Amino acid sequence: MPGVSQKEDHILLEGCLNNDRGIQKKLFEKYFAKMFRICLSYSGDRAEAKDILQEAFIKVFTGLDKFDSRGSLEGWIRRIVTNTAIDYFRQRKRLVYTATFPDEPEDDGNSGFLFQELNQDIILDYVRQLPDGARVIFNLFALDGLSHREIGKKLNISEGTSKSQYKRARGLLQKWLCEHEQDRQ
């Protein structure tokens, strides 16, 4: 029930704003798993994902007074986590965008079924194996719903680079997931 979750979030928000450490811990525990998955989808490494998550929650706790309650608290936290992951790669890693992809399969338009039939953990494992640039763009487009224009502005790249990196990520995932299914048979 959305009303119960919103009420619980309001109580957690008030407690955090009053610097109640126990309530802060409850907020962290409530959203840890979901937000860690997001960090893990941006990072290929669990330790790195934990670092990103820790940095994001520091921003959450220091910025809770800026939350305006127009949207959901979870959505607001997710946006901070996503932006922190992107900032992490901008500051600590140089995202490389490859221009040509000779071994990439052509998208036949029928690959969507693969993503629907497989376990999320299997897909996440393959997403984590994508090259950094392709992985970040795949997450921003496929998971966060940003347009290629928005991604270009956010990452300071061209819209075409965003599109090609998404195509690369999707092609690699399609190839790997097909191979995964063939190995299971």
Protein backbone atom coordinates (compact mmCIF):
# COMPACT_ATOMS: atom_id res chain seq x y z
CA MET A 1 0.00 0.00 0.00
CA PRO A 2 1.58 3.23 -1.13
CA GLY A 3 -0.02 5.21 1.71
CA VAL A 4 1.65 3.10 4.39
CA SER A 5 5.08 3.47 2.75
CA GLN A 6 4.64 7.23 2.40
CA LYS A 7 3.60 7.49 6.03
CA GLU A 8 6.60 5.40 7.10
CA ASP A 9 8.88 7.56 4.94
CA HIS A 10 7.47 10.70 6.53
CA ILE A 11 8.22 9.33 10.01
CA LEU A 12 11.73 8.33 8.90
CA LEU A 13 12.27 11.74 7.31
CA GLU A 14 11.22 13.59 10.49
CA GLY A 15 13.46 11.41 12.65
CA CYS A 16 16.43 11.92 10.34
CA LEU A 17 15.88 15.67 10.30
CA ASN A 18 16.02 15.53 14.11
CA ASN A 19 19.38 13.69 13.83
CA ASP A 20 18.02 10.50 15.43
CA ARG A 21 20.78 7.95 14.64
CA GLY A 22 18.42 5.01 15.13
CA ILE A 23 15.97 6.41 12.59
CA GLN A 24 18.82 7.18 10.18
CA LYS A 25 19.87 3.55 10.44
CA LYS A 26 16.29 2.43 9.69
CA LEU A 27 16.14 4.66 6.60
CA PHE A 28 19.45 3.27 5.40
CA GLU A 29 18.34 -0.32 6.01
CA LYS A 30 15.01 0.25 4.26
CA TYR A 31 16.63 1.43 1.04
CA PHE A 32 20.01 -0.30 1.18
CA ALA A 33 19.19 -3.31 -1.04
CA LYS A 34 17.45 -1.32 -3.80
CA MET A 35 20.07 1.39 -3.88
CA PHE A 36 22.95 -1.07 -3.72
CA ARG A 37 21.53 -2.79 -6.80
CA ILE A 38 21.57 0.55 -8.60
CA CYS A 39 25.18 1.16 -7.58
CA LEU A 40 26.10 -2.35 -8.64
CA SER A 41 24.46 -1.82 -12.02
CA TYR A 42 26.70 1.22 -12.58
CA SER A 43 29.83 -0.41 -11.20
CA GLY A 44 31.36 -3.70 -12.16
CA ASP A 45 32.75 -4.17 -8.67
CA ARG A 46 30.96 -4.80 -5.37
CA ALA A 47 33.49 -2.86 -3.26
CA GLU A 48 33.25 0.09 -5.63
CA ALA A 49 29.45 -0.10 -5.51
CA LYS A 50 29.59 0.04 -1.70
CA ASP A 51 31.80 3.11 -1.87
CA ILE A 52 29.35 4.80 -4.23
CA LEU A 53 26.42 3.88 -2.00
CA GLN A 54 28.16 5.18 1.12
CA GLU A 55 28.95 8.47 -0.63
CA ALA A 56 25.35 8.70 -1.86
CA PHE A 57 23.86 8.16 1.60
CA ILE A 58 26.12 10.84 3.03
CA LYS A 59 24.56 13.17 0.45
CA VAL A 60 21.09 11.90 1.34
CA PHE A 61 21.53 12.53 5.07
CA THR A 62 23.14 15.93 4.62
CA GLY A 63 20.53 17.00 2.08
CA LEU A 64 17.29 15.69 3.60
CA ASP A 65 16.25 19.22 4.48
CA LYS A 66 16.09 19.89 0.70
CA PHE A 67 13.59 17.08 0.06
CA ASP A 68 10.33 18.84 -0.79
CA SER A 69 7.91 15.88 -0.48
CA ARG A 70 6.45 16.46 -3.96
CA GLY A 71 7.73 13.08 -5.11
CA SER A 72 8.53 9.92 -3.26
CA LEU A 73 11.44 9.76 -0.86
CA GLU A 74 12.61 6.60 -2.61
CA GLY A 75 12.67 8.39 -5.98
CA TRP A 76 14.61 11.29 -4.48
CA ILE A 77 17.15 8.90 -2.93
CA ARG A 78 17.41 6.98 -6.21
CA ARG A 79 18.20 10.19 -8.09
CA ILE A 80 20.97 11.00 -5.60
CA VAL A 81 22.38 7.48 -5.86
CA THR A 82 22.34 7.59 -9.67
CA ASN A 83 23.96 11.02 -9.81
CA THR A 84 26.58 9.94 -7.28
CA ALA A 85 27.42 6.91 -9.42
CA ILE A 86 27.81 9.10 -12.49
CA ASP A 87 29.92 11.62 -10.57
CA TYR A 88 32.07 8.76 -9.31
CA PHE A 89 32.93 7.74 -12.85
CA ARG A 90 33.48 11.30 -13.96
CA GLN A 91 35.90 12.00 -11.10
CA ARG A 92 37.70 8.70 -10.61
CA LYS A 93 37.51 6.92 -13.92
CA ARG A 94 37.69 8.10 -17.44
CA LEU A 95 34.70 6.75 -19.29
CA VAL A 96 35.80 5.43 -22.65
CA TYR A 97 33.36 5.48 -25.55
CA THR A 98 34.41 3.20 -28.37
CA ALA A 99 33.46 4.28 -31.86
CA THR A 100 33.41 0.93 -33.69
CA PHE A 101 32.13 -2.43 -32.64
CA PRO A 102 33.12 -5.09 -35.21
CA ASP A 103 32.00 -8.11 -33.18
CA GLU A 104 28.67 -6.61 -32.16
CA PRO A 105 25.60 -8.49 -33.42
CA GLU A 106 22.99 -6.60 -35.34
CA ASP A 107 19.83 -5.85 -33.42
CA ASP A 108 17.04 -7.78 -35.11
CA GLY A 109 14.36 -6.16 -32.95
CA ASN A 110 13.49 -9.48 -31.28
CA SER A 111 15.94 -9.32 -28.39
CA GLY A 112 13.42 -7.97 -25.89
CA PHE A 113 12.20 -11.47 -25.04
CA LEU A 114 15.60 -12.38 -23.59
CA PHE A 115 15.50 -9.58 -21.07
CA GLN A 116 11.98 -10.53 -19.97
CA GLU A 117 12.57 -14.25 -19.44
CA LEU A 118 15.83 -14.17 -17.47
CA ASN A 119 16.43 -13.69 -13.78
CA GLN A 120 17.34 -10.09 -12.81
CA ASP A 121 20.52 -11.24 -11.09
CA ILE A 122 21.77 -12.91 -14.27
CA ILE A 123 21.07 -9.78 -16.30
CA LEU A 124 22.73 -7.59 -13.65
CA ASP A 125 25.84 -9.80 -13.74
CA TYR A 126 26.11 -9.24 -17.49
CA VAL A 127 25.39 -5.51 -17.20
CA ARG A 128 28.27 -5.27 -14.72
CA GLN A 129 30.59 -6.77 -17.36
CA LEU A 130 29.88 -4.03 -19.88
CA PRO A 131 32.65 -1.49 -20.51
CA ASP A 132 32.23 1.50 -18.17
CA GLY A 133 30.99 3.98 -20.79
CA ALA A 134 28.46 1.59 -22.30
CA ARG A 135 27.30 0.44 -18.85
CA VAL A 136 26.64 3.97 -17.58
CA ILE A 137 24.70 4.91 -20.71
CA PHE A 138 22.75 1.63 -20.68
CA ASN A 139 21.71 2.29 -17.09
CA LEU A 140 20.75 5.90 -17.71
CA PHE A 141 18.66 5.01 -20.77
CA ALA A 142 17.20 1.58 -19.95
CA LEU A 143 16.86 1.79 -16.18
CA ASP A 144 16.53 5.49 -15.41
CA GLY A 145 14.55 6.44 -18.53
CA LEU A 146 16.67 9.39 -19.63
CA SER A 147 16.63 10.35 -23.30
CA HIS A 148 19.84 10.28 -25.31
CA ARG A 149 19.74 14.07 -25.37
CA GLU A 150 19.52 14.19 -21.55
CA ILE A 151 22.32 11.63 -21.24
CA GLY A 152 24.48 13.67 -23.60
CA LYS A 153 24.00 16.78 -21.47
CA LYS A 154 24.57 14.90 -18.21
CA LEU A 155 27.79 13.24 -19.42
CA ASN A 156 28.95 16.05 -21.71
CA ILE A 157 28.92 13.84 -24.81
CA SER A 158 27.00 14.00 -28.08
CA GLU A 159 23.56 12.48 -28.46
CA GLY A 160 25.03 10.22 -31.17
CA THR A 161 27.67 8.89 -28.79
CA SER A 162 24.96 8.09 -26.28
CA LYS A 163 22.94 6.24 -28.92
CA SER A 164 25.94 4.27 -30.18
CA GLN A 165 27.01 3.30 -26.66
CA TYR A 166 23.49 2.16 -25.83
CA LYS A 167 23.42 0.12 -29.04
CA ARG A 168 26.79 -1.35 -28.12
CA ALA A 169 25.62 -2.27 -24.62
CA ARG A 170 22.40 -3.77 -25.90
CA GLY A 171 24.23 -5.74 -28.59
CA LEU A 172 26.76 -7.13 -26.13
CA LEU A 173 24.05 -8.05 -23.65
CA GLN A 174 22.03 -9.73 -26.38
CA LYS A 175 25.09 -11.73 -27.47
CA TRP A 176 26.03 -12.73 -23.92
CA LEU A 177 22.48 -13.63 -22.93
CA CYS A 178 22.04 -15.75 -26.06
CA GLU A 179 25.28 -17.54 -25.23
CA HIS A 180 24.05 -17.99 -21.66
CA GLU A 181 20.83 -19.58 -22.88
CA GLN A 182 22.72 -21.85 -25.28
CA ASP A 183 25.00 -22.98 -22.44
CA ARG A 184 21.95 -23.87 -20.32
CA GLN A 185 20.50 -26.11 -23.03
